Amino acid sequence: MVKETRRGAYSGKAAIVEHKEIPLGPIFAVCLLLLIAIVVMIASPERRVSVISTPTPVPSPVPVYEYVPDATVVPTSVPTAAPTAIPANRLDSCAVIDKPGKYVLVQDLVVSSSGKDFSCFTIDASGVELDCRGYSIQGSNQGSAILLRKGATAESGKWNAVVRNCVATGFEYGLNVISQSNLIEGNEFNENAEGIWLWSSSGNAIRANVLHSNYNYGVTLAGGSFNNVIEANVLEGNGVGGSGGGIYENTESRPNNVYSDNRVCLNGHDLVCDAGNMIDDGGNSCGSRDSCNVECLPC
């Protein structure tokens, strides 16, 4: 405690004033402890209390598209079921075929023909395919095994009629063609008076047939037949002992019948041309040529 003597302003008397001293030691100690505590809290992460604010998500902007047709995109086609195959018409006897479609022979036929105008199969429509599947048609030396008749007109780029895999024997004409734009392929004609006879016919393809032992000719083009293709056929043993032969073009035939890769050998006469109208496309074999402008390889 400190005593101080002061004199009054009015009385002039001396007065003693006592001052009480405040101890600083405890206050300093408390402050030091607080400081230490603060330092410890700052230095110890596990003692810190942090408030982490979670940011509010900001939605992404919705893109705006402008439709622009793309010419390069090919639309995906929807798969479709395969078309159902149309069943072939089954033939077990001679018939007139006057409707388009596929026709198949299902057995050998033995025919008692009735005159020269008879034909076992008459094709009188376009868009016809006759497939004998190797079965034979046996005649009695009259009429035709197959007749392709005039009047049926082929559509552009298509065959009028197709005749394949037939065996015709014992007729006046194995195949009698009075029509345009037909395909005759893979057949056998034997022991007929005429194997294949074309009359006033054009645009036909006679391909990969076998013609043998026919009495007159294997193939005859007559009546102004032109623009036909005869290729890859085998003609042997036709017209033997008579005046016939392999292939015959008479004086009424026009130019532009094309021949290629045929084997015409061992016939009475292999190639006979009354007017020399053949066009040689090469690869033909023959033993004799009568007025035909075709180069032949040896048989």
Protein backbone atom coordinates (compact mmCIF):
# COMPACT_ATOMS: atom_id res chain seq x y z
CA MET A 1 0.00 0.00 0.00
CA VAL A 2 1.32 3.56 -0.82
CA LYS A 3 0.44 6.59 1.30
CA GLU A 4 0.33 10.04 -0.30
CA THR A 5 -0.18 13.37 1.60
CA ARG A 6 -2.25 15.94 -0.28
CA ARG A 7 -3.40 19.36 0.83
CA GLY A 8 -7.02 20.35 0.29
CA ALA A 9 -7.75 23.07 -2.23
CA TYR A 10 -10.16 24.97 0.05
CA SER A 11 -9.21 23.97 3.53
CA GLY A 12 -5.53 24.01 3.06
CA LYS A 13 -5.28 21.03 5.35
CA ALA A 14 -3.09 18.11 4.55
CA ALA A 15 -4.77 14.80 3.84
CA ILE A 16 -3.25 11.43 3.51
CA VAL A 17 -4.43 9.39 0.46
CA GLU A 18 -3.73 5.68 0.36
CA HIS A 19 -3.23 3.83 -3.06
CA LYS A 20 -3.78 0.06 -3.17
CA GLU A 21 -1.36 -1.74 -5.53
CA ILE A 22 -2.85 -4.39 -7.91
CA PRO A 23 -0.65 -7.50 -8.22
CA LEU A 24 0.36 -8.15 -11.88
CA GLY A 25 1.76 -11.64 -11.49
CA PRO A 26 -1.53 -13.57 -11.54
CA ILE A 27 -2.87 -11.54 -14.47
CA PHE A 28 0.24 -12.23 -16.47
CA ALA A 29 0.01 -15.89 -15.66
CA VAL A 30 -3.59 -16.08 -16.86
CA CYS A 31 -2.76 -14.30 -20.09
CA LEU A 32 0.14 -16.63 -20.68
CA LEU A 33 -2.07 -19.67 -20.19
CA LEU A 34 -4.63 -18.34 -22.64
CA LEU A 35 -1.92 -17.69 -25.19
CA ILE A 36 -0.54 -21.20 -24.80
CA ALA A 37 -4.00 -22.68 -25.20
CA ILE A 38 -4.58 -20.74 -28.40
CA VAL A 39 -1.22 -21.86 -29.81
CA VAL A 40 -1.97 -25.50 -28.96
CA MET A 41 -5.35 -25.35 -30.67
CA ILE A 42 -3.86 -23.85 -33.79
CA ALA A 43 -1.07 -26.44 -33.90
CA SER A 44 -3.37 -29.48 -33.40
CA PRO A 45 -5.56 -30.28 -36.50
CA GLU A 46 -7.68 -32.71 -34.58
CA ARG A 47 -8.63 -30.01 -32.14
CA ARG A 48 -9.62 -27.53 -34.91
CA VAL A 49 -13.22 -26.99 -35.70
CA SER A 50 -13.59 -26.01 -39.33
CA VAL A 51 -16.76 -25.14 -40.97
CA ILE A 52 -16.65 -26.30 -44.60
CA SER A 53 -19.27 -24.79 -46.71
CA THR A 54 -20.61 -27.10 -49.43
CA PRO A 55 -21.06 -25.12 -52.60
CA THR A 56 -24.47 -25.30 -54.16
CA PRO A 57 -24.15 -27.16 -57.49
CA VAL A 58 -24.82 -25.05 -60.50
CA PRO A 59 -26.79 -26.96 -63.15
CA SER A 60 -25.09 -27.34 -66.49
CA PRO A 61 -26.69 -25.36 -69.24
CA VAL A 62 -28.98 -27.40 -71.46
CA PRO A 63 -27.56 -27.44 -74.98
CA VAL A 64 -29.76 -26.13 -77.72
CA TYR A 65 -29.48 -28.01 -81.00
CA GLU A 66 -30.53 -26.79 -84.37
CA TYR A 67 -31.77 -29.54 -86.71
CA VAL A 68 -29.80 -29.63 -89.93
CA PRO A 69 -30.55 -32.49 -92.35
CA ASP A 70 -27.49 -34.57 -93.08
CA ALA A 71 -27.48 -35.83 -96.62
CA THR A 72 -24.72 -38.31 -95.82
CA VAL A 73 -26.77 -40.27 -93.31
CA VAL A 74 -28.18 -43.43 -94.83
CA PRO A 75 -31.34 -44.56 -93.09
CA THR A 76 -31.19 -48.02 -91.63
CA SER A 77 -33.45 -50.33 -93.56
CA VAL A 78 -35.81 -52.49 -91.63
CA PRO A 79 -35.00 -56.14 -92.35
CA THR A 80 -37.70 -57.90 -94.23
CA ALA A 81 -38.45 -61.56 -94.37
CA ALA A 82 -37.15 -63.50 -97.37
CA PRO A 83 -39.81 -63.90 -100.03
CA THR A 84 -41.57 -67.21 -99.98
CA ALA A 85 -40.49 -69.39 -102.89
CA ILE A 86 -43.28 -70.00 -105.34
CA PRO A 87 -43.68 -73.75 -105.80
CA ALA A 88 -43.11 -75.08 -109.31
CA ASN A 89 -45.92 -76.56 -111.32
CA ARG A 90 -45.46 -80.32 -111.49
CA LEU A 91 -46.00 -82.03 -114.81
CA ASP A 92 -46.66 -85.74 -115.16
CA SER A 93 -48.20 -85.64 -118.63
CA CYS A 94 -48.16 -83.55 -121.80
CA ALA A 95 -49.61 -80.06 -121.45
CA VAL A 96 -50.18 -76.67 -123.03
CA ILE A 97 -48.35 -74.08 -120.93
CA ASP A 98 -50.07 -70.73 -121.39
CA LYS A 99 -49.27 -69.04 -118.07
CA PRO A 100 -45.94 -67.72 -116.75
CA GLY A 101 -44.15 -69.73 -114.11
CA LYS A 102 -41.77 -72.59 -113.51
CA TYR A 103 -42.77 -76.06 -114.61
CA VAL A 104 -40.94 -79.27 -113.73
CA LEU A 105 -41.34 -82.73 -115.19
CA VAL A 106 -41.65 -85.38 -112.50
CA GLN A 107 -41.41 -88.59 -114.56
CA ASP A 108 -40.47 -90.03 -117.94
CA LEU A 109 -43.18 -89.76 -120.57
CA VAL A 110 -43.96 -92.18 -123.38
CA VAL A 111 -46.19 -90.45 -125.92
CA SER A 112 -48.31 -91.90 -128.71
CA SER A 113 -48.50 -88.81 -130.90
CA SER A 114 -51.37 -88.18 -133.26
CA GLY A 115 -50.01 -86.51 -136.37
CA LYS A 116 -47.33 -84.03 -137.35
CA ASP A 117 -49.00 -81.10 -135.59
CA PHE A 118 -48.91 -82.78 -132.21
CA SER A 119 -46.59 -81.47 -129.49
CA CYS A 120 -46.20 -82.93 -126.03
CA PHE A 121 -45.41 -79.56 -124.44
CA THR A 122 -46.57 -76.37 -126.11
CA ILE A 123 -45.24 -73.18 -124.55
CA ASP A 124 -47.53 -70.35 -125.52
CA ALA A 125 -46.68 -67.70 -122.90
CA SER A 126 -43.73 -65.57 -121.94
CA GLY A 127 -41.95 -65.90 -118.60
CA VAL A 128 -42.01 -69.71 -118.67
CA GLU A 129 -39.29 -72.07 -117.47
CA LEU A 130 -39.63 -75.74 -118.33
CA ASP A 131 -37.17 -77.92 -116.44
CA CYS A 132 -37.42 -81.61 -117.24
CA ARG A 133 -34.79 -82.42 -114.58
CA GLY A 134 -33.30 -85.11 -116.80
CA TYR A 135 -36.54 -86.99 -117.45
CA SER A 136 -37.17 -88.13 -121.03
CA ILE A 137 -40.00 -87.59 -123.48
CA GLN A 138 -40.33 -90.55 -125.84
CA GLY A 139 -42.36 -90.12 -129.04
CA SER A 140 -43.47 -92.26 -131.97
CA ASN A 141 -41.73 -90.42 -134.83
CA GLN A 142 -44.38 -87.72 -135.26
CA GLY A 143 -44.94 -84.20 -133.99
CA SER A 144 -42.71 -82.33 -131.54
CA ALA A 145 -41.55 -83.09 -128.04
CA ILE A 146 -41.54 -79.35 -127.24
CA LEU A 147 -43.00 -76.49 -129.28
CA LEU A 148 -42.17 -72.84 -128.62
CA ARG A 149 -44.92 -71.13 -130.49
CA LYS A 150 -45.05 -67.70 -132.10
CA GLY A 151 -47.16 -65.16 -130.31
CA ALA A 152 -45.41 -65.11 -126.95
CA THR A 153 -43.40 -61.89 -126.70
CA ALA A 154 -40.48 -61.57 -124.32
CA GLU A 155 -40.21 -58.64 -121.94
CA SER A 156 -37.22 -56.38 -122.43
CA GLY A 157 -34.07 -57.94 -121.00
CA LYS A 158 -35.75 -61.26 -120.20
CA TRP A 159 -35.99 -64.63 -121.87
CA ASN A 160 -39.31 -65.45 -123.41
CA ALA A 161 -39.04 -69.08 -122.36
CA VAL A 162 -36.35 -71.31 -120.90
CA VAL A 163 -36.12 -75.01 -121.72
CA ARG A 164 -33.50 -77.01 -119.85
CA ASN A 165 -32.53 -80.52 -118.80
CA CYS A 166 -34.92 -82.28 -121.18
CA VAL A 167 -34.25 -85.49 -123.11
CA ALA A 168 -36.36 -85.80 -126.27
CA THR A 169 -36.22 -88.81 -128.54
CA GLY A 170 -38.34 -90.34 -131.30
CA PHE A 171 -40.10 -87.21 -132.66
CA GLU A 172 -40.13 -85.41 -135.97
CA TYR A 173 -38.78 -82.37 -134.06
CA GLY A 174 -37.11 -82.72 -130.71
CA LEU A 175 -37.56 -78.96 -130.21
CA ASN A 176 -39.56 -76.87 -132.66
CA VAL A 177 -38.96 -73.13 -132.24
CA ILE A 178 -41.25 -70.57 -133.88
CA SER A 179 -40.61 -67.81 -131.36
CA GLN A 180 -38.15 -65.15 -130.25
CA SER A 181 -35.67 -64.70 -127.39
CA ASN A 182 -35.66 -68.16 -125.86
CA LEU A 183 -32.94 -69.99 -123.95
CA ILE A 184 -32.45 -73.66 -124.81
CA GLU A 185 -29.84 -75.02 -122.45
CA GLY A 186 -28.49 -78.34 -121.20
CA ASN A 187 -30.84 -80.61 -123.16
CA GLU A 188 -30.31 -83.82 -125.12
CA PHE A 189 -32.00 -84.48 -128.45
CA ASN A 190 -31.40 -87.85 -130.07
CA GLU A 191 -32.96 -90.16 -132.65
CA ASN A 192 -35.38 -87.55 -133.94
CA ALA A 193 -35.80 -86.54 -137.57
CA GLU A 194 -34.59 -83.05 -136.57
CA GLY A 195 -32.93 -82.29 -133.25
CA ILE A 196 -33.58 -78.52 -132.90
CA TRP A 197 -35.47 -76.72 -135.65
CA LEU A 198 -35.70 -72.91 -135.77
CA TRP A 199 -38.14 -71.34 -138.19
CA SER A 200 -38.38 -67.55 -138.60
CA SER A 201 -36.90 -67.15 -135.14
CA SER A 202 -34.39 -64.66 -133.76
CA GLY A 203 -32.62 -63.75 -130.55
CA ASN A 204 -32.47 -67.32 -129.28
CA ALA A 205 -29.56 -68.88 -127.39
CA ILE A 206 -28.85 -72.57 -127.99
CA ARG A 207 -26.28 -73.44 -125.38
CA ALA A 208 -24.58 -76.56 -124.00
CA ASN A 209 -26.92 -79.10 -125.59
CA VAL A 210 -26.06 -82.59 -126.81
CA LEU A 211 -27.48 -83.60 -130.19
CA HIS A 212 -26.67 -87.01 -131.59
CA SER A 213 -28.07 -89.71 -133.87
CA ASN A 214 -30.75 -87.47 -135.35
CA TYR A 215 -31.72 -88.55 -138.84
CA ASN A 216 -31.41 -85.21 -140.68
CA TYR A 217 -29.63 -82.44 -138.74
CA GLY A 218 -28.80 -81.71 -135.15
CA VAL A 219 -29.60 -77.97 -135.52
CA THR A 220 -31.38 -76.34 -138.47
CA LEU A 221 -31.90 -72.59 -138.96
CA ALA A 222 -34.48 -71.85 -141.64
CA GLY A 223 -37.24 -69.46 -142.64
CA GLY A 224 -35.19 -66.31 -142.11
CA SER A 225 -33.87 -67.09 -138.63
CA PHE A 226 -31.19 -64.60 -137.58
CA ASN A 227 -29.34 -63.12 -134.59
CA ASN A 228 -29.25 -66.45 -132.82
CA VAL A 229 -26.32 -67.68 -130.73
CA ILE A 230 -25.22 -71.30 -130.95
CA GLU A 231 -22.50 -72.04 -128.42
CA ALA A 232 -20.84 -74.88 -126.53
CA ASN A 233 -22.99 -77.62 -128.06
CA VAL A 234 -21.91 -81.14 -128.96
CA LEU A 235 -23.23 -82.51 -132.27
CA GLU A 236 -22.08 -85.98 -133.25
CA GLY A 237 -23.44 -88.81 -135.36
CA ASN A 238 -26.24 -86.83 -136.98
CA GLY A 239 -27.26 -87.48 -140.61
CA VAL A 240 -25.05 -90.52 -140.85
CA GLY A 241 -25.88 -92.53 -143.99
CA GLY A 242 -28.08 -89.74 -145.37
CA SER A 243 -27.83 -86.18 -146.59
CA GLY A 244 -28.03 -84.57 -143.15
CA GLY A 245 -25.39 -83.54 -140.68
CA GLY A 246 -24.55 -81.38 -137.67
CA ILE A 247 -25.67 -77.78 -138.34
CA TYR A 248 -27.53 -76.49 -141.37
CA GLU A 249 -28.32 -72.92 -142.45
CA ASN A 250 -30.45 -72.80 -145.56
CA THR A 251 -30.74 -70.08 -148.20
CA GLU A 252 -33.56 -68.31 -146.38
CA SER A 253 -31.52 -67.68 -143.27
CA ARG A 254 -30.19 -64.19 -142.72
CA PRO A 255 -26.76 -63.21 -141.45
CA ASN A 256 -25.68 -62.71 -137.88
CA ASN A 257 -26.12 -66.18 -136.44
CA VAL A 258 -23.09 -66.53 -134.16
CA TYR A 259 -21.25 -69.80 -133.49
CA SER A 260 -18.67 -70.44 -130.80
CA ASP A 261 -17.09 -73.36 -128.95
CA ASN A 262 -19.21 -76.03 -130.61
CA ARG A 263 -17.97 -79.55 -131.29
CA VAL A 264 -19.48 -80.66 -134.61
CA CYS A 265 -17.80 -83.93 -135.50
CA LEU A 266 -18.47 -87.32 -137.06
CA ASN A 267 -21.72 -86.25 -138.67
CA GLY A 268 -22.79 -86.97 -142.25
CA HIS A 269 -21.86 -83.32 -142.97
CA ASP A 270 -20.65 -81.29 -140.04
CA LEU A 271 -21.44 -77.73 -141.19
CA VAL A 272 -23.65 -76.96 -144.18
CA CYS A 273 -24.38 -73.38 -145.30
CA ASP A 274 -26.34 -72.66 -148.44
CA ALA A 275 -25.58 -68.94 -148.21
CA GLY A 276 -22.56 -68.75 -145.92
CA ASN A 277 -24.33 -66.78 -143.20
CA MET A 278 -22.40 -68.04 -140.19
CA ILE A 279 -20.44 -65.69 -137.93
CA ASP A 280 -17.44 -67.41 -136.44
CA ASP A 281 -16.79 -66.43 -132.83
CA GLY A 282 -14.03 -68.99 -132.42
CA GLY A 283 -13.42 -72.26 -130.67
CA ASN A 284 -15.47 -74.45 -133.02
CA SER A 285 -14.33 -77.94 -133.94
CA CYS A 286 -15.51 -79.64 -137.09
CA GLY A 287 -14.38 -82.18 -139.66
CA SER A 288 -16.07 -80.73 -142.74
CA ARG A 289 -17.48 -77.41 -143.92
CA ASP A 290 -19.79 -77.02 -146.87
CA SER A 291 -19.82 -73.33 -147.93
CA CYS A 292 -19.51 -72.16 -144.32
CA ASN A 293 -17.16 -69.30 -143.45
CA VAL A 294 -16.13 -70.81 -140.12
CA GLU A 295 -12.63 -71.75 -139.11
CA CYS A 296 -12.66 -75.13 -137.42
CA LEU A 297 -10.27 -76.78 -135.05
CA PRO A 298 -9.69 -80.45 -135.84
CA CYS A 299 -12.04 -82.90 -134.19
